[in-house]
């Protein structure tokens, strides 16, 4: 009787899966994610996509808000440098997010939970690889403790 109870308890236990928020550039990375889906390339279903017009126009506070609201990891993906639809938006984003990575660490969040990547519209496989890599890193770290709002 005790064995049956243990089996039932294990069957009802939920396996933790990380919540990954991905901010994707409309012109490249979002199209790359779409290509991955259309091509049926397998990647973890842990990612929640938010489409932004350009990573250069995205406020870095969006990343911090994502962590505050329970994200275990955050991905920002845009056009390759030199290929930005808005000419230099991704270059501004790269500068901004290198500083943001230090701020995230200052706030007590492991730097490995945040990733910035360049994914073009034709790189569905690369998008899947990036999401898989971030998901694996976050799984090793475990659940994120939510930030306290000031």
C-alpha atoms as a PDB file:
ATOM      1  CA  UNK A   1       0.000   0.000   0.000  1.00  0.00           C
ATOM      2  CA  UNK A   2       2.868   2.356   0.788  1.00  0.00           C
ATOM      3  CA  UNK A   3       4.512   1.610  -2.570  1.00  0.00           C
ATOM      4  CA  UNK A   4       1.314   2.587  -4.402  1.00  0.00           C
ATOM      5  CA  UNK A   5       1.156   5.896  -2.552  1.00  0.00           C
ATOM      6  CA  UNK A   6       4.783   6.707  -3.451  1.00  0.00           C
ATOM      7  CA  UNK A   7       4.151   5.909  -7.116  1.00  0.00           C
ATOM      8  CA  UNK A   8       1.057   8.128  -7.133  1.00  0.00           C
ATOM      9  CA  UNK A   9       2.978  10.993  -5.491  1.00  0.00           C
ATOM     10  CA  UNK A  10       5.783  10.772  -8.061  1.00  0.00           C
ATOM     11  CA  UNK A  11       3.275  10.709 -10.917  1.00  0.00           C
ATOM     12  CA  UNK A  12       1.667  13.925  -9.681  1.00  0.00           C
ATOM     13  CA  UNK A  13       4.980  15.742  -9.064  1.00  0.00           C
ATOM     14  CA  UNK A  14       5.578  18.462 -11.629  1.00  0.00           C
ATOM     15  CA  UNK A  15       8.916  18.641 -13.379  1.00  0.00           C
ATOM     16  CA  UNK A  16      10.244  22.193 -13.319  1.00  0.00           C
ATOM     17  CA  UNK A  17      10.660  23.784 -16.736  1.00  0.00           C
ATOM     18  CA  UNK A  18      12.238  27.227 -17.009  1.00  0.00           C
ATOM     19  CA  UNK A  19      10.337  30.217 -18.377  1.00  0.00           C
ATOM     20  CA  UNK A  20      12.420  31.929 -21.036  1.00  0.00           C
ATOM     21  CA  UNK A  21      11.313  35.307 -22.389  1.00  0.00           C
ATOM     22  CA  UNK A  22      12.696  36.105 -25.848  1.00  0.00           C
ATOM     23  CA  UNK A  23      12.636  39.644 -27.213  1.00  0.00           C
ATOM     24  CA  UNK A  24      13.056  39.186 -30.960  1.00  0.00           C
ATOM     25  CA  UNK A  25      13.689  41.761 -33.676  1.00  0.00           C
ATOM     26  CA  UNK A  26      10.759  41.893 -36.101  1.00  0.00           C
ATOM     27  CA  UNK A  27      12.921  41.853 -39.221  1.00  0.00           C
ATOM     28  CA  UNK A  28      15.426  39.096 -38.511  1.00  0.00           C
ATOM     29  CA  UNK A  29      15.173  37.072 -35.316  1.00  0.00           C
ATOM     30  CA  UNK A  30      11.390  36.815 -35.294  1.00  0.00           C
ATOM     31  CA  UNK A  31      11.510  35.612 -38.889  1.00  0.00           C
ATOM     32  CA  UNK A  32      14.256  33.138 -37.885  1.00  0.00           C
ATOM     33  CA  UNK A  33      12.015  31.800 -35.109  1.00  0.00           C
ATOM     34  CA  UNK A  34       9.170  31.526 -37.610  1.00  0.00           C
ATOM     35  CA  UNK A  35      11.441  29.625 -40.004  1.00  0.00           C
ATOM     36  CA  UNK A  36      12.390  27.218 -37.203  1.00  0.00           C
ATOM     37  CA  UNK A  37       8.704  26.543 -36.582  1.00  0.00           C
ATOM     38  CA  UNK A  38       7.790  26.167 -40.247  1.00  0.00           C
ATOM     39  CA  UNK A  39      10.800  23.886 -40.797  1.00  0.00           C
ATOM     40  CA  UNK A  40       9.761  21.825 -37.753  1.00  0.00           C
ATOM     41  CA  UNK A  41      13.139  22.248 -36.135  1.00  0.00           C
ATOM     42  CA  UNK A  42      12.905  20.970 -32.573  1.00  0.00           C
ATOM     43  CA  UNK A  43      13.681  23.331 -29.707  1.00  0.00           C
ATOM     44  CA  UNK A  44      12.471  23.498 -26.100  1.00  0.00           C
ATOM     45  CA  UNK A  45       8.919  24.814 -25.647  1.00  0.00           C
ATOM     46  CA  UNK A  46      10.135  26.946 -22.720  1.00  0.00           C
ATOM     47  CA  UNK A  47      10.435  30.148 -24.750  1.00  0.00           C
ATOM     48  CA  UNK A  48       7.787  32.892 -24.820  1.00  0.00           C
ATOM     49  CA  UNK A  49       8.354  35.263 -27.739  1.00  0.00           C
ATOM     50  CA  UNK A  50       7.821  39.022 -27.643  1.00  0.00           C
ATOM     51  CA  UNK A  51       8.295  40.727 -31.002  1.00  0.00           C
ATOM     52  CA  UNK A  52       9.941  44.159 -30.955  1.00  0.00           C
ATOM     53  CA  UNK A  53      10.537  46.325 -34.001  1.00  0.00           C
ATOM     54  CA  UNK A  54      14.258  46.627 -33.254  1.00  0.00           C
ATOM     55  CA  UNK A  55      16.470  45.573 -30.361  1.00  0.00           C
ATOM     56  CA  UNK A  56      17.996  49.060 -30.519  1.00  0.00           C
ATOM     57  CA  UNK A  57      14.628  50.599 -29.665  1.00  0.00           C
ATOM     58  CA  UNK A  58      13.960  48.209 -26.828  1.00  0.00           C
ATOM     59  CA  UNK A  59      14.236  49.630 -23.329  1.00  0.00           C
ATOM     60  CA  UNK A  60      16.640  47.576 -21.146  1.00  0.00           C
ATOM     61  CA  UNK A  61      14.125  47.839 -18.313  1.00  0.00           C
ATOM     62  CA  UNK A  62      12.024  45.278 -20.241  1.00  0.00           C
ATOM     63  CA  UNK A  63      14.653  42.659 -19.380  1.00  0.00           C
ATOM     64  CA  UNK A  64      14.612  43.557 -15.689  1.00  0.00           C
ATOM     65  CA  UNK A  65      10.782  43.592 -15.693  1.00  0.00           C
ATOM     66  CA  UNK A  66      10.801  40.110 -17.218  1.00  0.00           C
ATOM     67  CA  UNK A  67      12.938  38.850 -14.329  1.00  0.00           C
ATOM     68  CA  UNK A  68      10.727  40.683 -11.819  1.00  0.00           C
ATOM     69  CA  UNK A  69       7.671  39.003 -13.275  1.00  0.00           C
ATOM     70  CA  UNK A  70       9.062  35.485 -12.933  1.00  0.00           C
ATOM     71  CA  UNK A  71      11.203  34.787 -15.988  1.00  0.00           C
ATOM     72  CA  UNK A  72      14.001  32.302 -15.355  1.00  0.00           C
ATOM     73  CA  UNK A  73      15.966  33.492 -18.388  1.00  0.00           C
ATOM     74  CA  UNK A  74      15.838  36.268 -20.971  1.00  0.00           C
ATOM     75  CA  UNK A  75      17.014  36.245 -24.582  1.00  0.00           C
ATOM     76  CA  UNK A  76      17.410  39.359 -26.721  1.00  0.00           C
ATOM     77  CA  UNK A  77      17.995  38.516 -30.375  1.00  0.00           C
ATOM     78  CA  UNK A  78      18.426  40.874 -33.289  1.00  0.00           C
ATOM     79  CA  UNK A  79      19.894  41.309 -36.743  1.00  0.00           C
ATOM     80  CA  UNK A  80      23.571  40.644 -37.327  1.00  0.00           C
ATOM     81  CA  UNK A  81      25.766  43.760 -36.977  1.00  0.00           C
ATOM     82  CA  UNK A  82      25.768  45.559 -40.302  1.00  0.00           C
ATOM     83  CA  UNK A  83      22.427  44.060 -41.388  1.00  0.00           C
ATOM     84  CA  UNK A  84      20.040  46.073 -39.203  1.00  0.00           C
ATOM     85  CA  UNK A  85      16.825  47.184 -40.900  1.00  0.00           C
ATOM     86  CA  UNK A  86      17.244  50.483 -39.044  1.00  0.00           C
ATOM     87  CA  UNK A  87      20.943  50.757 -39.959  1.00  0.00           C
ATOM     88  CA  UNK A  88      22.556  50.955 -36.472  1.00  0.00           C
ATOM     89  CA  UNK A  89      19.875  49.769 -34.039  1.00  0.00           C
ATOM     90  CA  UNK A  90      21.610  46.510 -33.223  1.00  0.00           C
ATOM     91  CA  UNK A  91      24.885  48.334 -32.550  1.00  0.00           C
ATOM     92  CA  UNK A  92      23.134  50.523 -29.985  1.00  0.00           C
ATOM     93  CA  UNK A  93      21.562  47.415 -28.482  1.00  0.00           C
ATOM     94  CA  UNK A  94      24.920  45.663 -28.213  1.00  0.00           C
ATOM     95  CA  UNK A  95      26.370  48.586 -26.241  1.00  0.00           C
ATOM     96  CA  UNK A  96      23.314  48.876 -24.015  1.00  0.00           C
ATOM     97  CA  UNK A  97      23.124  45.169 -23.226  1.00  0.00           C
ATOM     98  CA  UNK A  98      26.798  44.772 -22.387  1.00  0.00           C
ATOM     99  CA  UNK A  99      26.165  47.326 -19.620  1.00  0.00           C
ATOM    100  CA  UNK A 100      22.863  45.636 -18.710  1.00  0.00           C
ATOM    101  CA  UNK A 101      24.632  42.312 -18.164  1.00  0.00           C
ATOM    102  CA  UNK A 102      26.661  43.923 -15.366  1.00  0.00           C
ATOM    103  CA  UNK A 103      23.537  45.507 -13.879  1.00  0.00           C
ATOM    104  CA  UNK A 104      21.761  42.159 -13.865  1.00  0.00           C
ATOM    105  CA  UNK A 105      24.635  40.677 -11.892  1.00  0.00           C
ATOM    106  CA  UNK A 106      24.515  43.640  -9.482  1.00  0.00           C
ATOM    107  CA  UNK A 107      20.813  42.898  -8.899  1.00  0.00           C
ATOM    108  CA  UNK A 108      21.695  39.358  -7.793  1.00  0.00           C
ATOM    109  CA  UNK A 109      20.747  37.507 -10.959  1.00  0.00           C
ATOM    110  CA  UNK A 110      23.261  35.126 -12.489  1.00  0.00           C
ATOM    111  CA  UNK A 111      24.649  36.541 -15.729  1.00  0.00           C
ATOM    112  CA  UNK A 112      24.101  33.164 -17.415  1.00  0.00           C
ATOM    113  CA  UNK A 113      20.322  33.766 -17.288  1.00  0.00           C
ATOM    114  CA  UNK A 114      20.642  36.581 -19.830  1.00  0.00           C
ATOM    115  CA  UNK A 115      21.753  36.127 -23.419  1.00  0.00           C
ATOM    116  CA  UNK A 116      22.043  38.350 -26.459  1.00  0.00           C
ATOM    117  CA  UNK A 117      22.389  36.784 -29.874  1.00  0.00           C
ATOM    118  CA  UNK A 118      22.320  37.667 -33.565  1.00  0.00           C
ATOM    119  CA  UNK A 119      19.907  35.546 -35.606  1.00  0.00           C
ATOM    120  CA  UNK A 120      18.955  36.384 -39.186  1.00  0.00           C
ATOM    121  CA  UNK A 121      15.708  35.499 -40.946  1.00  0.00           C
ATOM    122  CA  UNK A 122      17.361  32.549 -42.693  1.00  0.00           C
ATOM    123  CA  UNK A 123      18.820  31.009 -39.526  1.00  0.00           C
ATOM    124  CA  UNK A 124      15.994  28.923 -38.098  1.00  0.00           C
ATOM    125  CA  UNK A 125      18.485  26.281 -36.989  1.00  0.00           C
ATOM    126  CA  UNK A 126      20.587  28.856 -35.177  1.00  0.00           C
ATOM    127  CA  UNK A 127      17.505  30.185 -33.372  1.00  0.00           C
ATOM    128  CA  UNK A 128      16.703  26.670 -32.143  1.00  0.00           C
ATOM    129  CA  UNK A 129      20.330  26.196 -31.047  1.00  0.00           C
ATOM    130  CA  UNK A 130      20.368  29.507 -29.122  1.00  0.00           C
ATOM    131  CA  UNK A 131      17.079  28.726 -27.328  1.00  0.00           C
ATOM    132  CA  UNK A 132      18.286  25.227 -26.476  1.00  0.00           C
ATOM    133  CA  UNK A 133      21.603  26.551 -25.145  1.00  0.00           C
ATOM    134  CA  UNK A 134      19.917  29.174 -22.950  1.00  0.00           C
ATOM    135  CA  UNK A 135      17.353  26.666 -21.674  1.00  0.00           C
ATOM    136  CA  UNK A 136      20.108  24.189 -20.749  1.00  0.00           C
ATOM    137  CA  UNK A 137      22.077  26.897 -18.914  1.00  0.00           C
ATOM    138  CA  UNK A 138      19.004  28.005 -16.973  1.00  0.00           C
ATOM    139  CA  UNK A 139      18.049  24.407 -16.100  1.00  0.00           C
ATOM    140  CA  UNK A 140      21.479  23.925 -14.514  1.00  0.00           C
ATOM    141  CA  UNK A 141      20.979  27.093 -12.443  1.00  0.00           C
ATOM    142  CA  UNK A 142      17.472  26.160 -11.291  1.00  0.00           C
ATOM    143  CA  UNK A 143      14.479  28.432 -10.729  1.00  0.00           C
ATOM    144  CA  UNK A 144      15.049  32.174 -10.536  1.00  0.00           C
ATOM    145  CA  UNK A 145      14.203  33.934  -7.292  1.00  0.00           C
ATOM    146  CA  UNK A 146      11.961  36.824  -8.209  1.00  0.00           C
ATOM    147  CA  UNK A 147      13.359  40.299  -7.753  1.00  0.00           C
ATOM    148  CA  UNK A 148      11.695  42.424  -5.167  1.00  0.00           C
ATOM    149  CA  UNK A 149      10.178  45.602  -6.491  1.00  0.00           C
ATOM    150  CA  UNK A 150      11.446  48.736  -4.754  1.00  0.00           C
END
